[in-house]
N, C-alpha and C. Protein backbone atom coordinates (compact mmCIF):
# COMPACT_ATOMS: atom_id res chain seq x y z
N MET A 1 1.35 56.69 -110.46
CA MET A 1 2.26 56.89 -109.35
C MET A 1 2.66 55.56 -108.75
N SER A 2 1.72 54.65 -108.58
CA SER A 2 2.05 53.37 -107.98
C SER A 2 2.89 52.51 -108.91
N ASP A 3 2.91 52.79 -110.21
CA ASP A 3 3.72 51.99 -111.13
C ASP A 3 5.22 52.28 -110.96
N ARG A 4 5.58 53.36 -110.29
CA ARG A 4 6.98 53.72 -110.08
C ARG A 4 7.55 53.15 -108.77
N SER A 5 6.73 52.66 -107.91
CA SER A 5 7.21 52.18 -106.61
C SER A 5 7.92 50.83 -106.79
N LEU A 6 8.89 50.61 -105.90
CA LEU A 6 9.63 49.35 -105.91
C LEU A 6 8.98 48.42 -104.90
N ARG A 7 8.25 47.47 -105.39
CA ARG A 7 7.56 46.56 -104.49
C ARG A 7 8.52 45.49 -103.97
N GLY A 8 8.40 45.19 -102.68
CA GLY A 8 9.20 44.14 -102.07
C GLY A 8 10.62 44.57 -101.75
N MET A 9 10.88 45.85 -101.82
CA MET A 9 12.23 46.35 -101.57
C MET A 9 12.18 47.37 -100.45
N ARG A 10 13.07 47.25 -99.48
CA ARG A 10 13.18 48.26 -98.43
C ARG A 10 14.27 49.23 -98.85
N LEU A 11 13.89 50.40 -99.20
CA LEU A 11 14.85 51.36 -99.70
C LEU A 11 15.86 51.74 -98.63
N GLY A 12 17.12 51.73 -98.99
CA GLY A 12 18.17 52.13 -98.08
C GLY A 12 18.65 51.03 -97.15
N ALA A 13 17.91 49.95 -97.03
CA ALA A 13 18.29 48.90 -96.10
C ALA A 13 19.16 47.84 -96.76
N GLN A 14 19.03 47.67 -98.07
CA GLN A 14 19.77 46.64 -98.76
C GLN A 14 20.49 47.24 -99.95
N SER A 15 21.66 46.71 -100.24
CA SER A 15 22.43 47.19 -101.38
C SER A 15 22.10 46.35 -102.60
N MET A 16 22.09 46.98 -103.75
CA MET A 16 21.83 46.26 -104.99
C MET A 16 23.13 45.77 -105.62
N GLU A 17 24.29 46.12 -105.01
CA GLU A 17 25.57 45.69 -105.55
C GLU A 17 25.86 44.25 -105.15
N THR A 18 26.52 43.53 -106.05
CA THR A 18 26.92 42.17 -105.74
C THR A 18 28.40 42.17 -105.38
N GLU A 19 28.84 41.10 -104.76
CA GLU A 19 30.24 41.00 -104.38
C GLU A 19 31.05 40.27 -105.45
N ALA A 20 30.48 40.09 -106.61
CA ALA A 20 31.18 39.41 -107.70
C ALA A 20 32.33 40.30 -108.17
N GLY A 21 33.51 39.71 -108.31
CA GLY A 21 34.67 40.44 -108.79
C GLY A 21 35.38 41.26 -107.73
N VAL A 22 34.90 41.21 -106.50
CA VAL A 22 35.53 41.96 -105.41
C VAL A 22 36.49 41.05 -104.69
N GLU A 23 37.76 41.48 -104.61
CA GLU A 23 38.76 40.70 -103.89
C GLU A 23 39.11 41.40 -102.59
N PRO A 24 39.03 40.70 -101.46
CA PRO A 24 39.42 41.34 -100.21
C PRO A 24 40.93 41.58 -100.17
N ALA A 25 41.35 42.53 -99.37
CA ALA A 25 42.77 42.83 -99.24
C ALA A 25 43.49 41.61 -98.66
N PRO A 26 44.74 41.39 -99.06
CA PRO A 26 45.47 40.25 -98.51
C PRO A 26 45.65 40.39 -97.01
N ARG A 27 45.49 39.28 -96.31
CA ARG A 27 45.54 39.30 -94.86
C ARG A 27 46.49 38.22 -94.35
N GLN A 28 46.87 38.38 -93.09
CA GLN A 28 47.67 37.36 -92.42
C GLN A 28 47.11 37.14 -91.02
N ARG A 29 47.13 35.89 -90.60
CA ARG A 29 46.62 35.53 -89.27
C ARG A 29 47.83 35.33 -88.36
N VAL A 30 47.84 36.05 -87.24
CA VAL A 30 48.98 36.04 -86.33
C VAL A 30 48.55 35.44 -85.01
N GLU A 31 49.44 34.65 -84.42
CA GLU A 31 49.13 34.00 -83.15
C GLU A 31 49.90 34.66 -82.01
N TYR A 32 49.19 34.93 -80.93
CA TYR A 32 49.78 35.43 -79.69
C TYR A 32 49.49 34.41 -78.60
N ARG A 33 50.32 34.37 -77.56
CA ARG A 33 50.10 33.44 -76.47
C ARG A 33 50.34 34.13 -75.14
N CYS A 34 49.40 33.92 -74.20
CA CYS A 34 49.53 34.47 -72.84
C CYS A 34 50.44 33.57 -72.02
N GLU A 35 50.83 34.06 -70.85
CA GLU A 35 51.69 33.28 -69.96
C GLU A 35 51.03 31.98 -69.51
N ASP A 36 49.70 32.01 -69.37
CA ASP A 36 49.00 30.81 -68.92
C ASP A 36 48.67 29.85 -70.06
N GLY A 37 49.14 30.15 -71.28
CA GLY A 37 48.95 29.25 -72.42
C GLY A 37 47.77 29.60 -73.31
N GLU A 38 46.99 30.60 -72.94
CA GLU A 38 45.84 31.00 -73.76
C GLU A 38 46.34 31.49 -75.12
N GLN A 39 45.72 30.99 -76.20
CA GLN A 39 46.09 31.41 -77.55
C GLN A 39 45.15 32.50 -78.01
N VAL A 40 45.72 33.51 -78.69
CA VAL A 40 44.94 34.61 -79.23
C VAL A 40 45.31 34.74 -80.70
N PHE A 41 44.33 34.66 -81.58
CA PHE A 41 44.58 34.81 -83.02
C PHE A 41 44.01 36.14 -83.48
N VAL A 42 44.82 36.91 -84.19
CA VAL A 42 44.41 38.22 -84.69
C VAL A 42 44.72 38.28 -86.17
N THR A 43 43.81 38.84 -86.96
CA THR A 43 44.00 38.98 -88.39
C THR A 43 44.40 40.41 -88.71
N PHE A 44 45.51 40.55 -89.43
CA PHE A 44 46.01 41.86 -89.84
C PHE A 44 46.09 41.90 -91.37
N ALA A 45 46.17 43.10 -91.92
CA ALA A 45 46.45 43.26 -93.34
C ALA A 45 47.86 42.76 -93.60
N ALA A 46 48.12 42.29 -94.81
CA ALA A 46 49.42 41.70 -95.14
C ALA A 46 50.55 42.70 -94.95
N GLU A 47 50.31 43.97 -95.23
CA GLU A 47 51.38 44.97 -95.14
C GLU A 47 51.43 45.67 -93.78
N ALA A 48 50.59 45.25 -92.83
CA ALA A 48 50.54 45.91 -91.52
C ALA A 48 51.75 45.55 -90.68
N GLU A 49 52.14 46.50 -89.82
CA GLU A 49 53.22 46.25 -88.88
C GLU A 49 52.64 45.48 -87.70
N ILE A 50 53.22 44.34 -87.39
CA ILE A 50 52.69 43.44 -86.36
C ILE A 50 53.25 43.84 -85.00
N PRO A 51 52.37 44.17 -84.02
CA PRO A 51 52.86 44.50 -82.68
C PRO A 51 53.37 43.25 -81.96
N SER A 52 54.34 43.44 -81.07
CA SER A 52 54.93 42.30 -80.37
C SER A 52 54.05 41.80 -79.22
N THR A 53 53.13 42.64 -78.74
CA THR A 53 52.20 42.20 -77.69
C THR A 53 50.78 42.57 -78.09
N TRP A 54 49.82 41.84 -77.50
CA TRP A 54 48.40 42.08 -77.78
C TRP A 54 47.64 41.78 -76.50
N VAL A 55 46.60 42.54 -76.22
CA VAL A 55 45.78 42.30 -75.03
C VAL A 55 44.59 41.44 -75.45
N SER A 56 44.44 40.30 -74.79
CA SER A 56 43.36 39.37 -75.13
C SER A 56 42.02 39.92 -74.66
N LYS A 57 40.95 39.24 -75.05
CA LYS A 57 39.61 39.66 -74.64
C LYS A 57 39.41 39.54 -73.13
N THR A 58 40.20 38.68 -72.51
CA THR A 58 40.10 38.51 -71.06
C THR A 58 40.95 39.53 -70.31
N GLY A 59 41.68 40.38 -71.04
CA GLY A 59 42.46 41.44 -70.42
C GLY A 59 43.90 41.06 -70.12
N LYS A 60 44.31 39.85 -70.51
CA LYS A 60 45.68 39.41 -70.26
C LYS A 60 46.57 39.82 -71.43
N GLU A 61 47.85 40.07 -71.14
CA GLU A 61 48.78 40.45 -72.19
C GLU A 61 49.35 39.20 -72.84
N ALA A 62 49.29 39.16 -74.17
CA ALA A 62 49.80 38.02 -74.93
C ALA A 62 51.00 38.47 -75.74
N VAL A 63 51.96 37.55 -75.92
CA VAL A 63 53.19 37.84 -76.65
C VAL A 63 53.14 37.12 -77.99
N LEU A 64 53.70 37.75 -79.00
CA LEU A 64 53.73 37.20 -80.35
C LEU A 64 54.48 35.88 -80.36
N VAL A 65 53.87 34.85 -80.95
CA VAL A 65 54.52 33.55 -81.07
C VAL A 65 55.56 33.65 -82.18
N ASN A 66 56.74 33.09 -81.96
CA ASN A 66 57.85 33.15 -82.91
C ASN A 66 58.30 34.58 -83.18
N GLY A 67 58.08 35.43 -82.24
CA GLY A 67 58.51 36.82 -82.37
C GLY A 67 59.43 37.19 -81.23
N GLU A 68 60.02 38.37 -81.35
CA GLU A 68 60.91 38.84 -80.30
C GLU A 68 60.10 39.33 -79.11
N LYS A 69 60.61 39.09 -77.92
CA LYS A 69 59.94 39.60 -76.73
C LYS A 69 60.14 41.11 -76.68
N PRO A 70 59.13 41.84 -76.24
CA PRO A 70 59.25 43.30 -76.20
C PRO A 70 60.31 43.73 -75.19
N ASP A 71 61.07 44.74 -75.57
CA ASP A 71 62.10 45.28 -74.69
C ASP A 71 61.48 46.39 -73.87
N GLU A 72 61.23 46.11 -72.59
CA GLU A 72 60.56 47.08 -71.72
C GLU A 72 61.54 48.01 -71.02
N SER A 73 62.84 47.82 -71.24
CA SER A 73 63.82 48.66 -70.54
C SER A 73 63.81 50.09 -71.06
N ASN A 74 63.32 50.33 -72.27
CA ASN A 74 63.30 51.68 -72.84
C ASN A 74 62.14 52.52 -72.30
N GLU A 75 61.19 51.88 -71.65
CA GLU A 75 60.02 52.61 -71.18
C GLU A 75 60.34 53.38 -69.91
N LYS A 76 59.85 54.60 -69.87
CA LYS A 76 60.01 55.41 -68.65
C LYS A 76 58.97 54.98 -67.63
N PRO A 77 59.33 55.02 -66.35
CA PRO A 77 58.30 54.71 -65.35
C PRO A 77 57.23 55.80 -65.36
N VAL A 78 56.01 55.40 -65.10
CA VAL A 78 54.90 56.34 -65.10
C VAL A 78 55.01 57.25 -63.89
N ARG A 79 55.00 58.57 -64.16
CA ARG A 79 55.06 59.55 -63.07
C ARG A 79 53.68 60.15 -62.87
N THR A 80 53.21 60.08 -61.65
CA THR A 80 51.91 60.65 -61.34
C THR A 80 52.08 62.09 -60.90
N HIS A 81 50.97 62.80 -60.74
CA HIS A 81 51.02 64.17 -60.23
C HIS A 81 51.66 64.20 -58.85
N TRP A 82 51.33 63.21 -58.04
CA TRP A 82 51.87 63.14 -56.68
C TRP A 82 53.39 62.98 -56.72
N ASP A 83 53.91 62.15 -57.63
CA ASP A 83 55.36 61.97 -57.75
C ASP A 83 56.04 63.29 -58.12
N MET A 84 55.44 64.01 -59.06
CA MET A 84 56.03 65.28 -59.48
C MET A 84 55.97 66.32 -58.36
N LEU A 85 54.90 66.29 -57.59
CA LEU A 85 54.77 67.22 -56.47
C LEU A 85 55.83 66.93 -55.40
N LEU A 86 56.06 65.65 -55.14
CA LEU A 86 57.06 65.28 -54.14
C LEU A 86 58.49 65.61 -54.58
N GLU A 87 58.69 65.79 -55.89
CA GLU A 87 60.00 66.23 -56.37
C GLU A 87 60.26 67.69 -56.00
N ARG A 88 59.19 68.47 -55.85
CA ARG A 88 59.33 69.90 -55.58
C ARG A 88 59.15 70.24 -54.11
N ARG A 89 58.36 69.48 -53.37
CA ARG A 89 58.03 69.80 -51.98
C ARG A 89 58.22 68.58 -51.09
N SER A 90 58.51 68.86 -49.81
CA SER A 90 58.57 67.77 -48.84
C SER A 90 57.19 67.60 -48.21
N ILE A 91 57.00 66.51 -47.52
CA ILE A 91 55.72 66.24 -46.85
C ILE A 91 55.42 67.33 -45.83
N GLU A 92 56.45 67.77 -45.09
CA GLU A 92 56.26 68.82 -44.08
C GLU A 92 55.78 70.12 -44.74
N GLU A 93 56.39 70.48 -45.89
CA GLU A 93 55.96 71.69 -46.59
C GLU A 93 54.52 71.57 -47.07
N LEU A 94 54.17 70.41 -47.58
CA LEU A 94 52.80 70.20 -48.06
C LEU A 94 51.79 70.28 -46.93
N GLU A 95 52.13 69.73 -45.77
CA GLU A 95 51.23 69.81 -44.62
C GLU A 95 51.05 71.26 -44.18
N GLN A 96 52.13 72.07 -44.20
CA GLN A 96 52.05 73.48 -43.83
C GLN A 96 51.19 74.26 -44.82
N ILE A 97 51.37 74.00 -46.12
CA ILE A 97 50.57 74.68 -47.14
C ILE A 97 49.10 74.32 -46.97
N LEU A 98 48.82 73.05 -46.72
CA LEU A 98 47.44 72.62 -46.51
C LEU A 98 46.83 73.33 -45.31
N GLU A 99 47.57 73.42 -44.21
CA GLU A 99 47.07 74.08 -43.01
C GLU A 99 46.80 75.56 -43.28
N ASP A 100 47.71 76.24 -44.00
CA ASP A 100 47.51 77.66 -44.34
C ASP A 100 46.25 77.85 -45.18
N ARG A 101 46.06 77.00 -46.18
CA ARG A 101 44.89 77.12 -47.05
C ARG A 101 43.60 76.84 -46.28
N LEU A 102 43.62 75.86 -45.39
CA LEU A 102 42.43 75.58 -44.60
C LEU A 102 42.09 76.74 -43.68
N ASN A 103 43.11 77.38 -43.10
CA ASN A 103 42.87 78.55 -42.24
C ASN A 103 42.25 79.69 -43.04
N LYS A 104 42.77 79.94 -44.25
CA LYS A 104 42.18 81.00 -45.09
C LYS A 104 40.74 80.68 -45.43
N LEU A 105 40.46 79.43 -45.74
CA LEU A 105 39.09 79.02 -46.07
C LEU A 105 38.16 79.21 -44.86
N ARG A 106 38.65 78.84 -43.69
CA ARG A 106 37.84 79.00 -42.48
C ARG A 106 37.57 80.47 -42.20
N GLU A 107 38.58 81.34 -42.42
CA GLU A 107 38.39 82.79 -42.21
C GLU A 107 37.33 83.34 -43.16
N ARG A 108 37.39 82.94 -44.42
CA ARG A 108 36.40 83.41 -45.39
C ARG A 108 35.00 82.95 -45.02
N ARG A 109 34.87 81.72 -44.59
CA ARG A 109 33.55 81.21 -44.21
C ARG A 109 33.02 81.94 -42.99
N GLY A 110 33.92 82.28 -42.07
CA GLY A 110 33.51 83.02 -40.88
C GLY A 110 33.05 84.42 -41.22
N GLU A 111 33.68 85.07 -42.20
CA GLU A 111 33.26 86.43 -42.62
C GLU A 111 31.90 86.40 -43.28
N ARG A 112 31.63 85.36 -44.08
CA ARG A 112 30.34 85.28 -44.76
C ARG A 112 29.21 85.07 -43.77
N ARG A 113 29.44 84.35 -42.71
CA ARG A 113 28.39 84.08 -41.73
C ARG A 113 28.02 85.34 -40.96
N SER A 114 29.04 86.19 -40.67
CA SER A 114 28.76 87.38 -39.89
C SER A 114 28.12 88.49 -40.73
N ALA A 115 28.23 88.43 -42.03
CA ALA A 115 27.70 89.50 -42.89
C ALA A 115 26.24 89.38 -43.13
């Protein structure tokens, strides 16, 4: 039984395959630059579509060097739930609805206490 064991080998932890004859996919290194001059280098596959902006590790937005600036005019402004609500109701209506709901809640709580 002991003649079948693999001595000096951690099973599953190491691969027996070599990297001989393995060619990595072609890549390209792209440079982005932040407004403050910080350079960001990103490696993409050769056939990948390169985005015009990239967020650096520090959280700043970087623009592709020698690339077109992104056209932000096509983007819609972000609408929040509050914005959509204000399209349907006025502040006065919302205050009245809130007051009605609070009164109903107070009535229900008063009924539970007396029961």
